N, C-alpha and C. Protein backbone atom coordinates (compact mmCIF):
# COMPACT_ATOMS: atom_id res chain seq x y z
N MET A 1 28.80 39.86 16.15
CA MET A 1 27.76 40.50 15.25
C MET A 1 28.41 41.42 14.35
N CYS A 2 28.12 41.27 13.00
CA CYS A 2 28.67 42.18 12.04
C CYS A 2 27.65 42.19 10.83
N ALA A 3 28.02 43.34 10.06
CA ALA A 3 27.13 43.68 8.93
C ALA A 3 27.41 42.45 7.82
N TYR A 4 26.42 42.12 7.12
CA TYR A 4 26.43 41.12 6.05
C TYR A 4 25.63 41.62 4.84
N ARG A 5 26.36 41.97 3.79
CA ARG A 5 25.75 42.63 2.75
C ARG A 5 25.09 41.78 1.67
N ALA A 6 25.37 40.40 1.71
CA ALA A 6 24.83 39.61 0.52
C ALA A 6 23.33 39.30 0.83
N ASP A 7 22.50 40.15 0.33
CA ASP A 7 21.01 40.21 0.67
C ASP A 7 20.27 38.94 0.07
N ASP A 8 20.94 38.16 -0.75
CA ASP A 8 20.17 37.07 -1.26
C ASP A 8 20.38 35.73 -0.45
N ASN A 9 21.29 35.87 0.52
CA ASN A 9 21.60 34.72 1.32
C ASN A 9 21.34 35.08 2.78
N TYR A 10 20.27 34.47 3.29
CA TYR A 10 19.86 34.68 4.62
C TYR A 10 19.15 33.62 5.33
N ASP A 11 19.21 33.47 6.66
CA ASP A 11 18.55 32.43 7.33
C ASP A 11 17.19 32.80 7.83
N TYR A 12 17.06 34.14 8.28
CA TYR A 12 15.85 34.64 8.78
C TYR A 12 15.50 35.92 8.20
N LEU A 13 14.21 36.21 8.03
CA LEU A 13 13.74 37.55 7.59
C LEU A 13 12.78 38.13 8.56
N PHE A 14 13.15 39.27 9.08
CA PHE A 14 12.32 40.01 10.06
C PHE A 14 11.82 41.29 9.56
N LYS A 15 10.55 41.47 9.73
CA LYS A 15 9.85 42.82 9.50
C LYS A 15 9.95 43.75 10.60
N VAL A 16 10.51 44.95 10.40
CA VAL A 16 10.67 45.92 11.48
C VAL A 16 9.99 47.21 10.96
N VAL A 17 9.26 47.84 11.86
CA VAL A 17 8.54 49.13 11.48
C VAL A 17 9.30 50.30 12.25
N LEU A 18 9.35 51.44 11.54
CA LEU A 18 9.80 52.71 12.16
C LEU A 18 8.59 53.56 12.30
N ILE A 19 8.42 53.98 13.53
CA ILE A 19 7.26 54.91 13.86
C ILE A 19 7.69 56.09 14.67
N GLY A 20 6.84 57.06 14.77
CA GLY A 20 7.16 58.29 15.44
C GLY A 20 6.68 59.51 14.71
N ASP A 21 6.69 60.74 15.38
CA ASP A 21 6.13 61.92 14.73
C ASP A 21 6.87 62.25 13.44
N SER A 22 6.27 63.00 12.57
CA SER A 22 6.85 63.52 11.46
C SER A 22 8.06 64.39 11.79
N GLY A 23 9.28 64.28 11.10
CA GLY A 23 10.37 65.15 11.21
C GLY A 23 11.46 64.70 12.27
N VAL A 24 11.20 63.58 12.80
CA VAL A 24 12.08 63.14 13.93
C VAL A 24 13.40 62.35 13.33
N GLY A 25 13.29 62.08 11.94
CA GLY A 25 14.47 61.57 11.41
C GLY A 25 14.40 60.11 11.05
N LYS A 26 13.24 59.46 10.93
CA LYS A 26 12.98 58.05 10.72
C LYS A 26 13.63 57.65 9.37
N THR A 27 13.43 58.52 8.35
CA THR A 27 13.85 58.16 6.92
C THR A 27 15.43 58.22 6.96
N ASN A 28 15.93 59.16 7.56
CA ASN A 28 17.51 59.19 7.61
C ASN A 28 18.09 58.12 8.40
N LEU A 29 17.43 57.69 9.51
CA LEU A 29 17.90 56.52 10.22
C LEU A 29 17.93 55.31 9.34
N LEU A 30 16.84 54.99 8.62
CA LEU A 30 16.70 53.97 7.64
C LEU A 30 17.84 53.97 6.48
N SER A 31 17.97 55.16 5.99
CA SER A 31 18.91 55.34 4.87
C SER A 31 20.30 55.24 5.35
N ARG A 32 20.61 55.62 6.57
CA ARG A 32 22.04 55.57 7.15
C ARG A 32 22.35 54.07 7.45
N PHE A 33 21.31 53.29 7.96
CA PHE A 33 21.51 51.88 8.32
C PHE A 33 21.67 51.05 6.97
N SER A 34 20.73 51.29 6.02
CA SER A 34 20.63 50.44 4.88
C SER A 34 21.63 50.81 3.79
N ARG A 35 21.87 52.14 3.62
CA ARG A 35 22.83 52.47 2.52
C ARG A 35 23.96 53.40 2.91
N ASN A 36 24.06 53.60 4.24
CA ASN A 36 25.06 54.58 4.77
C ASN A 36 24.90 55.93 4.15
N GLU A 37 23.72 56.46 3.93
CA GLU A 37 23.50 57.72 3.39
C GLU A 37 22.73 58.65 4.27
N PHE A 38 22.90 59.95 4.09
CA PHE A 38 22.18 60.91 4.82
C PHE A 38 21.83 62.06 4.01
N SER A 39 20.56 62.58 4.11
CA SER A 39 20.11 63.73 3.33
C SER A 39 19.81 64.85 4.21
N MET A 40 20.22 66.12 3.82
CA MET A 40 19.91 67.28 4.60
C MET A 40 18.61 67.86 4.29
N GLU A 41 18.06 67.40 3.23
CA GLU A 41 16.72 67.80 2.77
C GLU A 41 15.64 67.24 3.69
N CYS A 42 14.85 68.01 4.28
CA CYS A 42 13.76 67.62 5.25
C CYS A 42 12.44 67.36 4.47
N LYS A 43 12.46 66.30 3.62
CA LYS A 43 11.30 65.92 2.84
C LYS A 43 10.49 64.90 3.73
N SER A 44 9.15 65.07 3.81
CA SER A 44 8.36 64.10 4.47
C SER A 44 8.16 62.91 3.61
N THR A 45 8.13 61.70 4.29
CA THR A 45 7.86 60.58 3.58
C THR A 45 6.37 60.48 3.26
N ILE A 46 6.06 60.08 1.96
CA ILE A 46 4.80 59.96 1.44
C ILE A 46 4.33 58.55 1.33
N GLY A 47 3.37 58.14 2.16
CA GLY A 47 2.89 56.73 2.15
C GLY A 47 4.00 55.83 2.88
N VAL A 48 4.36 54.74 2.16
CA VAL A 48 5.23 53.75 2.84
C VAL A 48 6.44 53.45 2.00
N GLU A 49 7.60 53.40 2.64
CA GLU A 49 8.82 52.97 1.97
C GLU A 49 9.47 51.85 2.78
N PHE A 50 10.16 50.95 2.16
CA PHE A 50 10.98 50.09 2.98
C PHE A 50 12.28 49.70 2.30
N ALA A 51 13.32 49.30 3.13
CA ALA A 51 14.59 48.96 2.70
C ALA A 51 15.03 47.75 3.38
N THR A 52 16.01 47.04 2.96
CA THR A 52 16.53 45.85 3.58
C THR A 52 18.00 45.92 3.88
N ARG A 53 18.40 45.14 4.84
CA ARG A 53 19.93 45.12 5.23
C ARG A 53 20.07 43.77 6.01
N SER A 54 21.14 43.04 5.78
CA SER A 54 21.40 41.86 6.59
C SER A 54 22.56 42.00 7.57
N ILE A 55 22.46 41.34 8.68
CA ILE A 55 23.58 41.29 9.56
C ILE A 55 23.78 39.83 10.05
N LYS A 56 24.86 39.60 10.66
CA LYS A 56 25.13 38.22 11.24
C LYS A 56 24.90 38.19 12.70
N VAL A 57 24.19 37.24 13.20
CA VAL A 57 23.98 37.06 14.73
C VAL A 57 24.17 35.55 15.01
N ASP A 58 25.09 35.20 15.83
CA ASP A 58 25.26 33.77 16.17
C ASP A 58 25.45 32.99 14.96
N ASP A 59 26.21 33.40 14.01
CA ASP A 59 26.48 32.61 12.78
C ASP A 59 25.30 32.49 11.95
N LYS A 60 24.17 33.16 12.23
CA LYS A 60 23.02 33.16 11.40
C LYS A 60 22.95 34.44 10.75
N VAL A 61 22.45 34.47 9.38
CA VAL A 61 22.28 35.78 8.66
C VAL A 61 20.82 36.22 8.84
N ILE A 62 20.70 37.39 9.46
CA ILE A 62 19.30 37.92 9.65
C ILE A 62 19.16 39.04 8.68
N LYS A 63 18.07 38.92 7.82
CA LYS A 63 17.74 39.99 6.88
C LYS A 63 16.61 40.70 7.49
N ALA A 64 16.81 42.05 7.52
CA ALA A 64 15.76 42.94 8.14
C ALA A 64 15.07 43.63 6.95
N GLN A 65 13.80 43.60 6.95
CA GLN A 65 12.93 44.32 6.02
C GLN A 65 12.31 45.48 6.88
N ILE A 66 12.90 46.73 6.72
CA ILE A 66 12.49 47.79 7.60
C ILE A 66 11.64 48.74 6.81
N TRP A 67 10.48 48.99 7.43
CA TRP A 67 9.38 49.82 6.88
C TRP A 67 9.29 51.17 7.55
N ASP A 68 9.19 52.18 6.60
CA ASP A 68 9.15 53.62 7.09
C ASP A 68 7.90 54.23 6.57
N THR A 69 7.25 54.99 7.43
CA THR A 69 6.09 55.63 6.97
C THR A 69 6.00 57.01 7.43
N ALA A 70 5.11 57.85 6.87
CA ALA A 70 4.95 59.24 7.29
C ALA A 70 4.34 59.25 8.68
N GLY A 71 4.67 60.38 9.53
CA GLY A 71 4.23 60.40 10.87
C GLY A 71 2.97 61.31 10.88
N GLN A 72 2.50 61.81 9.73
CA GLN A 72 1.38 62.74 9.81
C GLN A 72 0.01 61.91 9.93
N GLU A 73 -0.92 62.56 10.59
CA GLU A 73 -2.18 61.81 10.87
C GLU A 73 -2.85 61.38 9.60
N ARG A 74 -2.72 62.17 8.52
CA ARG A 74 -3.51 61.88 7.31
C ARG A 74 -3.16 60.50 6.68
N TYR A 75 -2.03 59.91 7.18
CA TYR A 75 -1.66 58.64 6.67
C TYR A 75 -2.06 57.52 7.61
N ARG A 76 -2.95 57.78 8.67
CA ARG A 76 -3.33 56.76 9.50
C ARG A 76 -4.11 55.50 8.88
N ALA A 77 -4.68 55.78 7.81
CA ALA A 77 -5.47 54.69 7.14
C ALA A 77 -4.65 53.42 6.84
N ILE A 78 -3.23 53.57 6.70
CA ILE A 78 -2.42 52.51 6.30
C ILE A 78 -1.98 51.60 7.51
N THR A 79 -2.45 51.97 8.71
CA THR A 79 -1.95 51.43 10.04
C THR A 79 -2.02 49.93 10.02
N SER A 80 -3.14 49.27 9.72
CA SER A 80 -3.15 47.81 9.97
C SER A 80 -2.23 46.96 8.97
N ALA A 81 -2.16 47.42 7.73
CA ALA A 81 -1.33 46.74 6.76
C ALA A 81 0.11 47.06 7.04
N TYR A 82 0.42 48.24 7.62
CA TYR A 82 1.80 48.70 7.94
C TYR A 82 2.38 47.79 9.03
N TYR A 83 1.52 47.53 10.05
CA TYR A 83 2.00 46.76 11.17
C TYR A 83 1.93 45.30 10.98
N ARG A 84 1.25 44.85 9.99
CA ARG A 84 0.97 43.30 9.90
C ARG A 84 2.27 42.59 9.66
N GLY A 85 2.52 41.61 10.60
CA GLY A 85 3.68 40.76 10.41
C GLY A 85 4.97 41.40 11.05
N ALA A 86 4.81 42.54 11.66
CA ALA A 86 6.06 43.19 12.26
C ALA A 86 6.44 42.39 13.50
N VAL A 87 7.72 42.18 13.67
CA VAL A 87 8.26 41.51 14.86
C VAL A 87 9.11 42.45 15.69
N GLY A 88 9.36 43.61 15.14
CA GLY A 88 10.27 44.59 15.80
C GLY A 88 9.83 45.95 15.45
N ALA A 89 10.08 46.98 16.31
CA ALA A 89 9.77 48.34 16.05
C ALA A 89 10.77 49.28 16.73
N LEU A 90 11.05 50.40 15.89
CA LEU A 90 11.77 51.54 16.58
C LEU A 90 10.78 52.68 16.64
N ILE A 91 10.62 53.08 17.92
CA ILE A 91 9.77 54.36 18.07
C ILE A 91 10.74 55.50 18.22
N VAL A 92 10.69 56.40 17.33
CA VAL A 92 11.69 57.51 17.25
C VAL A 92 11.19 58.75 17.72
N TYR A 93 11.94 59.50 18.54
CA TYR A 93 11.54 60.97 18.82
C TYR A 93 12.86 61.75 18.70
N ASP A 94 12.57 63.08 18.61
CA ASP A 94 13.61 64.06 18.50
C ASP A 94 14.06 64.61 19.88
N ILE A 95 15.26 64.50 20.18
CA ILE A 95 15.71 64.91 21.53
C ILE A 95 15.58 66.49 21.70
N THR A 96 15.37 67.17 20.64
CA THR A 96 15.32 68.68 20.72
C THR A 96 13.79 69.09 20.76
N ARG A 97 12.89 68.21 20.61
CA ARG A 97 11.42 68.50 20.61
C ARG A 97 10.71 67.67 21.66
N ASN A 98 10.36 68.24 22.72
CA ASN A 98 9.78 67.46 23.83
C ASN A 98 8.48 66.85 23.43
N VAL A 99 7.73 67.51 22.56
CA VAL A 99 6.41 67.04 22.13
C VAL A 99 6.42 65.72 21.48
N THR A 100 7.65 65.44 20.73
CA THR A 100 7.79 64.14 20.04
C THR A 100 8.09 63.08 21.02
N PHE A 101 8.65 63.39 22.18
CA PHE A 101 8.75 62.42 23.32
C PHE A 101 7.51 62.16 24.03
N GLU A 102 6.69 63.22 24.24
CA GLU A 102 5.36 63.07 24.87
C GLU A 102 4.52 62.18 24.09
N ASN A 103 4.62 62.20 22.72
CA ASN A 103 3.77 61.38 21.87
C ASN A 103 4.19 59.97 21.77
N VAL A 104 5.36 59.56 22.39
CA VAL A 104 5.87 58.20 22.28
C VAL A 104 4.80 57.20 22.85
N GLU A 105 4.10 57.68 24.02
CA GLU A 105 3.25 56.83 24.65
C GLU A 105 2.02 56.49 23.61
N ARG A 106 1.61 57.47 22.89
CA ARG A 106 0.51 57.21 21.97
C ARG A 106 1.06 56.17 20.78
N TRP A 107 2.21 56.41 20.29
CA TRP A 107 2.78 55.49 19.42
C TRP A 107 2.95 54.08 19.94
N LEU A 108 3.30 54.02 21.13
CA LEU A 108 3.46 52.71 21.83
C LEU A 108 2.13 52.03 21.93
N LYS A 109 1.10 52.73 22.34
CA LYS A 109 -0.24 52.13 22.42
C LYS A 109 -0.67 51.70 21.03
N GLU A 110 -0.51 52.43 20.02
CA GLU A 110 -0.95 52.09 18.55
C GLU A 110 -0.22 50.83 18.23
N LEU A 111 1.04 50.73 18.56
CA LEU A 111 1.89 49.65 18.13
C LEU A 111 1.37 48.33 18.80
N ARG A 112 1.10 48.44 20.07
CA ARG A 112 0.59 47.25 20.86
C ARG A 112 -0.83 46.94 20.48
N ASP A 113 -1.54 47.86 19.95
CA ASP A 113 -2.95 47.55 19.56
C ASP A 113 -2.94 46.73 18.18
N HIS A 114 -1.94 46.84 17.44
CA HIS A 114 -1.94 46.30 16.13
C HIS A 114 -0.82 45.14 15.91
N THR A 115 -0.19 44.84 16.97
CA THR A 115 0.84 43.78 16.93
C THR A 115 0.82 42.79 17.99
N ASP A 116 1.60 41.58 17.87
CA ASP A 116 1.61 40.70 18.86
C ASP A 116 2.37 41.14 20.14
N GLN A 117 2.11 40.55 21.30
CA GLN A 117 2.76 40.90 22.57
C GLN A 117 4.15 40.72 22.56
N ASN A 118 4.64 39.74 21.62
CA ASN A 118 6.07 39.41 21.69
C ASN A 118 6.91 40.40 20.81
N ILE A 119 6.32 41.41 20.28
CA ILE A 119 7.08 42.27 19.48
C ILE A 119 8.22 42.98 20.29
N VAL A 120 9.38 43.11 19.61
CA VAL A 120 10.56 43.76 20.43
C VAL A 120 10.60 45.22 19.99
N ILE A 121 10.66 46.03 21.08
CA ILE A 121 10.55 47.51 20.83
C ILE A 121 11.81 48.29 21.30
N MET A 122 12.30 49.15 20.47
CA MET A 122 13.38 50.05 20.90
C MET A 122 12.93 51.41 20.84
N LEU A 123 13.14 52.23 21.90
CA LEU A 123 12.92 53.70 21.84
C LEU A 123 14.22 54.27 21.48
N VAL A 124 14.11 55.23 20.37
CA VAL A 124 15.31 55.86 19.81
C VAL A 124 15.22 57.44 19.96
N GLY A 125 16.09 57.93 20.71
CA GLY A 125 16.21 59.49 20.72
C GLY A 125 17.09 59.94 19.73
N ASN A 126 16.66 60.39 18.50
CA ASN A 126 17.52 60.83 17.51
C ASN A 126 17.89 62.25 17.54
N LYS A 127 18.79 62.70 16.61
CA LYS A 127 19.43 63.98 16.55
C LYS A 127 20.26 64.32 17.81
N ALA A 128 20.99 63.35 18.30
CA ALA A 128 21.78 63.52 19.50
C ALA A 128 22.98 64.39 19.18
N ASP A 129 23.26 64.78 17.85
CA ASP A 129 24.29 65.68 17.63
C ASP A 129 23.81 67.14 18.01
N LEU A 130 22.60 67.40 18.14
CA LEU A 130 22.13 68.72 18.53
C LEU A 130 22.12 68.89 20.02
N ARG A 131 23.21 68.59 20.66
CA ARG A 131 23.36 68.56 22.18
C ARG A 131 22.88 69.91 22.79
N HIS A 132 23.26 71.03 22.16
CA HIS A 132 23.04 72.27 22.74
C HIS A 132 21.55 72.72 22.61
N LEU A 133 20.75 71.96 21.90
CA LEU A 133 19.30 72.23 21.83
C LEU A 133 18.44 71.08 22.51
N ARG A 134 19.10 70.25 23.32
CA ARG A 134 18.39 69.23 23.97
C ARG A 134 17.24 69.61 24.83
N ALA A 135 16.12 68.97 24.63
CA ALA A 135 14.94 69.27 25.37
C ALA A 135 14.38 67.99 26.18
N VAL A 136 14.83 66.84 25.71
CA VAL A 136 14.45 65.60 26.40
C VAL A 136 15.75 65.02 27.14
N GLN A 137 15.78 64.87 28.41
CA GLN A 137 16.85 64.34 29.10
C GLN A 137 16.94 62.80 28.93
N THR A 138 18.18 62.41 28.81
CA THR A 138 18.50 60.92 28.60
C THR A 138 17.78 60.08 29.71
N ASP A 139 18.09 60.51 30.98
CA ASP A 139 17.57 59.78 32.01
C ASP A 139 16.03 59.65 32.05
N ASP A 140 15.34 60.72 31.59
CA ASP A 140 13.88 60.48 31.54
C ASP A 140 13.47 59.45 30.54
N ALA A 141 14.14 59.42 29.40
CA ALA A 141 13.85 58.37 28.43
C ALA A 141 14.23 57.03 28.82
N LYS A 142 15.37 56.96 29.60
CA LYS A 142 15.75 55.60 30.08
C LYS A 142 14.71 55.10 31.22
N ALA A 143 14.25 56.03 31.98
CA ALA A 143 13.37 55.63 33.06
C ALA A 143 12.08 55.12 32.40
N PHE A 144 11.59 55.79 31.36
CA PHE A 144 10.43 55.38 30.55
C PHE A 144 10.53 53.99 30.03
N CYS A 145 11.71 53.86 29.42
CA CYS A 145 11.91 52.47 28.80
C CYS A 145 12.13 51.33 29.83
N GLU A 146 12.63 51.69 30.93
CA GLU A 146 12.74 50.64 32.10
C GLU A 146 11.36 50.16 32.52
N LYS A 147 10.42 51.27 32.62
CA LYS A 147 9.11 51.03 33.13
C LYS A 147 8.36 50.21 32.01
N GLN A 148 8.65 50.44 30.74
CA GLN A 148 7.95 49.69 29.65
C GLN A 148 8.68 48.42 29.21
N ASN A 149 9.86 48.22 29.84
CA ASN A 149 10.63 47.07 29.47
C ASN A 149 11.01 46.99 28.01
N ASN A 150 11.49 48.16 27.51
CA ASN A 150 11.83 48.30 26.16
C ASN A 150 13.35 48.63 26.09
N PHE A 151 13.92 48.48 24.89
CA PHE A 151 15.39 48.84 24.68
C PHE A 151 15.39 50.36 24.50
N PHE A 152 16.52 51.06 24.67
CA PHE A 152 16.65 52.46 24.43
C PHE A 152 18.09 52.76 23.89
N MET A 153 18.06 53.71 23.10
CA MET A 153 19.42 54.29 22.55
C MET A 153 19.18 55.64 21.96
N GLU A 154 20.19 56.51 22.15
CA GLU A 154 20.26 57.79 21.46
C GLU A 154 21.02 57.77 20.27
N THR A 155 20.69 58.30 19.15
CA THR A 155 21.34 58.15 17.89
C THR A 155 21.48 59.59 17.23
N SER A 156 22.32 59.55 16.24
CA SER A 156 22.42 60.73 15.38
C SER A 156 22.59 60.11 13.88
N ALA A 157 21.60 60.28 13.13
CA ALA A 157 21.77 59.82 11.70
C ALA A 157 22.77 60.67 10.89
N LEU A 158 22.86 61.97 11.37
CA LEU A 158 23.81 62.82 10.68
C LEU A 158 25.24 62.42 10.97
N GLU A 159 25.52 62.06 12.18
CA GLU A 159 26.88 61.67 12.62
C GLU A 159 27.16 60.20 12.56
N SER A 160 26.15 59.48 12.23
CA SER A 160 26.10 58.00 12.20
C SER A 160 26.42 57.42 13.53
N LEU A 161 25.88 58.07 14.57
CA LEU A 161 26.11 57.77 15.93
C LEU A 161 25.12 56.70 16.40
N ASN A 162 25.57 55.52 16.75
CA ASN A 162 24.66 54.54 17.34
C ASN A 162 23.57 53.98 16.39
N VAL A 163 23.61 54.36 15.14
CA VAL A 163 22.53 53.86 14.22
C VAL A 163 22.70 52.39 13.97
N GLU A 164 23.81 51.95 13.81
CA GLU A 164 24.22 50.50 13.56
C GLU A 164 23.89 49.76 14.85
N ASN A 165 24.27 50.34 15.89
CA ASN A 165 24.02 49.67 17.25
C ASN A 165 22.59 49.50 17.52
N ALA A 166 21.77 50.55 17.18
CA ALA A 166 20.40 50.43 17.54
C ALA A 166 19.64 49.36 16.78
N PHE A 167 19.87 49.28 15.46
CA PHE A 167 19.28 48.25 14.62
C PHE A 167 19.76 46.94 14.93
N THR A 168 21.09 46.78 15.16
CA THR A 168 21.67 45.48 15.51
C THR A 168 21.13 44.86 16.80
N GLU A 169 21.01 45.74 17.78
CA GLU A 169 20.52 45.34 19.22
C GLU A 169 19.03 45.00 18.97
N LEU A 170 18.30 45.69 18.21
CA LEU A 170 16.93 45.39 18.06
C LEU A 170 16.79 43.89 17.36
N LEU A 171 17.48 43.80 16.34
CA LEU A 171 17.51 42.53 15.54
C LEU A 171 17.98 41.30 16.27
N THR A 172 18.97 41.62 17.14
CA THR A 172 19.52 40.49 18.03
C THR A 172 18.41 40.11 19.10
N GLY A 173 17.72 41.16 19.57
CA GLY A 173 16.68 40.92 20.50
C GLY A 173 15.54 40.09 19.96
N ILE A 174 15.20 40.50 18.69
CA ILE A 174 14.12 39.65 18.00
C ILE A 174 14.56 38.23 17.82
N TYR A 175 15.86 37.96 17.45
CA TYR A 175 16.32 36.71 17.23
C TYR A 175 16.26 35.88 18.48
N HIS A 176 16.64 36.50 19.62
CA HIS A 176 16.57 35.81 20.90
C HIS A 176 15.21 35.40 21.36
N VAL A 177 14.20 36.35 21.03
CA VAL A 177 12.74 36.09 21.38
C VAL A 177 12.33 34.86 20.59
N MET A 178 12.69 34.91 19.22
CA MET A 178 12.35 33.83 18.40
C MET A 178 12.92 32.42 18.81
N SER A 179 14.20 32.53 19.21
CA SER A 179 14.97 31.23 19.65
C SER A 179 14.27 30.71 20.98
N LYS A 180 13.96 31.60 21.88
CA LYS A 180 13.29 31.19 23.13
C LYS A 180 11.94 30.59 22.83
N LYS A 181 11.21 31.20 21.84
CA LYS A 181 9.91 30.61 21.51
C LYS A 181 10.04 29.23 20.89
N ALA A 182 11.06 29.17 20.09
CA ALA A 182 11.26 27.79 19.42
C ALA A 182 11.70 26.69 20.51
N LEU A 183 12.45 27.16 21.54
CA LEU A 183 12.86 26.25 22.64
C LEU A 183 11.66 25.87 23.43
N ASP A 184 10.67 26.87 23.70
CA ASP A 184 9.50 26.67 24.56
C ASP A 184 8.61 25.60 24.00
N ILE A 185 8.63 25.42 22.58
CA ILE A 185 7.86 24.35 21.92
C ILE A 185 8.62 23.12 21.65
N GLY A 186 9.84 23.10 22.18
CA GLY A 186 10.72 21.88 22.06
C GLY A 186 11.61 21.70 20.92
N ASN A 187 11.79 22.90 20.24
CA ASN A 187 12.69 22.85 19.04
C ASN A 187 13.98 23.42 19.45
N ASP A 188 14.97 23.07 18.73
CA ASP A 188 16.43 23.59 18.79
C ASP A 188 16.54 24.67 17.71
N PRO A 189 16.47 26.00 18.04
CA PRO A 189 16.46 26.91 16.86
C PRO A 189 17.71 26.93 16.07
N MET A 190 18.81 26.37 16.66
CA MET A 190 20.03 26.36 15.99
C MET A 190 20.18 25.30 14.93
N SER A 191 19.20 24.32 15.03
CA SER A 191 19.23 23.24 14.02
C SER A 191 17.98 23.15 13.33
N LEU A 192 17.21 24.29 13.11
CA LEU A 192 16.08 24.32 12.28
C LEU A 192 16.35 24.05 10.85
N PRO A 193 15.59 23.07 10.28
CA PRO A 193 15.84 22.95 8.85
C PRO A 193 15.40 24.03 7.99
N LYS A 194 16.07 24.36 6.95
CA LYS A 194 15.70 25.54 6.09
C LYS A 194 14.35 25.11 5.49
N GLY A 195 13.45 26.16 5.40
CA GLY A 195 12.12 25.85 4.93
C GLY A 195 11.10 25.92 5.93
N LYS A 196 11.50 25.80 7.31
CA LYS A 196 10.50 25.83 8.37
C LYS A 196 10.21 27.20 8.71
N THR A 197 9.06 27.64 8.87
CA THR A 197 8.65 28.93 9.31
C THR A 197 8.37 29.04 10.74
N ILE A 198 9.01 30.15 11.29
CA ILE A 198 8.83 30.46 12.67
C ILE A 198 7.85 31.70 12.87
N ASN A 199 6.73 31.51 13.35
CA ASN A 199 5.76 32.62 13.48
C ASN A 199 5.90 33.25 14.86
N VAL A 200 6.57 34.44 14.89
CA VAL A 200 6.64 35.13 16.20
C VAL A 200 5.36 35.93 16.47
N VAL A 201 4.77 36.35 15.54
CA VAL A 201 3.35 36.85 15.69
C VAL A 201 2.32 36.05 14.89
N GLY A 202 1.14 36.14 15.33
CA GLY A 202 0.12 35.29 14.71
C GLY A 202 -0.35 35.60 13.39
N GLY A 203 -0.93 34.62 12.63
CA GLY A 203 -1.41 35.01 11.28
C GLY A 203 -0.64 34.42 10.11
N THR A 204 -1.23 34.39 9.09
CA THR A 204 -0.64 33.80 7.83
C THR A 204 0.16 34.88 7.05
N ASP A 205 0.08 36.13 7.47
CA ASP A 205 0.77 37.23 6.62
C ASP A 205 2.03 37.56 7.28
N ASP A 206 2.58 36.76 8.23
CA ASP A 206 3.88 37.13 8.87
C ASP A 206 5.09 37.28 7.93
N VAL A 207 5.73 38.26 8.13
CA VAL A 207 7.01 38.41 7.39
C VAL A 207 8.14 38.08 8.34
N THR A 208 8.05 36.95 8.83
CA THR A 208 9.09 36.28 9.68
C THR A 208 9.34 34.91 9.25
N GLU A 209 10.46 34.65 8.71
CA GLU A 209 10.54 33.27 8.18
C GLU A 209 12.03 32.81 8.14
N VAL A 210 12.15 31.48 7.99
CA VAL A 210 13.44 30.94 7.66
C VAL A 210 13.56 30.85 6.20
N LYS A 211 14.72 31.21 5.62
CA LYS A 211 14.85 31.22 4.23
C LYS A 211 14.56 29.90 3.63
N LYS A 212 13.79 29.76 2.56
CA LYS A 212 13.53 28.59 1.91
C LYS A 212 14.71 28.15 1.18
N SER A 213 14.93 26.78 1.24
CA SER A 213 16.09 26.19 0.51
C SER A 213 15.83 26.20 -0.99
N GLY A 214 16.88 25.98 -1.81
CA GLY A 214 16.81 25.99 -3.15
C GLY A 214 16.96 27.35 -3.86
N CYS A 215 16.69 27.34 -5.18
CA CYS A 215 16.95 28.56 -5.90
C CYS A 215 15.82 29.54 -5.67
N CYS A 216 16.14 30.87 -5.55
CA CYS A 216 15.18 31.89 -5.39
C CYS A 216 14.85 32.52 -6.75
């Protein structure tokens, strides 16, 4: 698995959403992964933003379309459109603020209420560089994820710790779910012709596709 920067050439497109309380570092995780940038300014995201980045998994180019939104309650109205077509999610909390971890269960419920059961979820404990201020123990978060059958990783967008690993592991997990689903219906996912769409979640608005052949 490695980074692949040529965004115009890809085999699969996956929509991933970033959710979690305001101020946990969702936007910096996204900017660190997509552009290798970090901002010390704590500006709240207004509405919705998204960025893209491609990686290689099993010789296939996976393009991630990663959506970031504000964690404040007043932006709840965008919920259904925000989640539509998502096949992966990172639920982010701040390891120095226990309340952000306590709210993970609410975010998880909201996610499952608005997405397909096959969605791949990773819990991310961000700001791991602030070890001296830790309020959420790693073992507690791990235990929660084992119970929920989700991925887990602690990250630091500031130090670029595990950011690449978190997104790569999530995207690889999505690819494996998609491959298994294709095998279950009798297809070989490694020999899918370009132009065939694989719907990991239901509906016609899915942002999960195999790159169409020909000129874009």
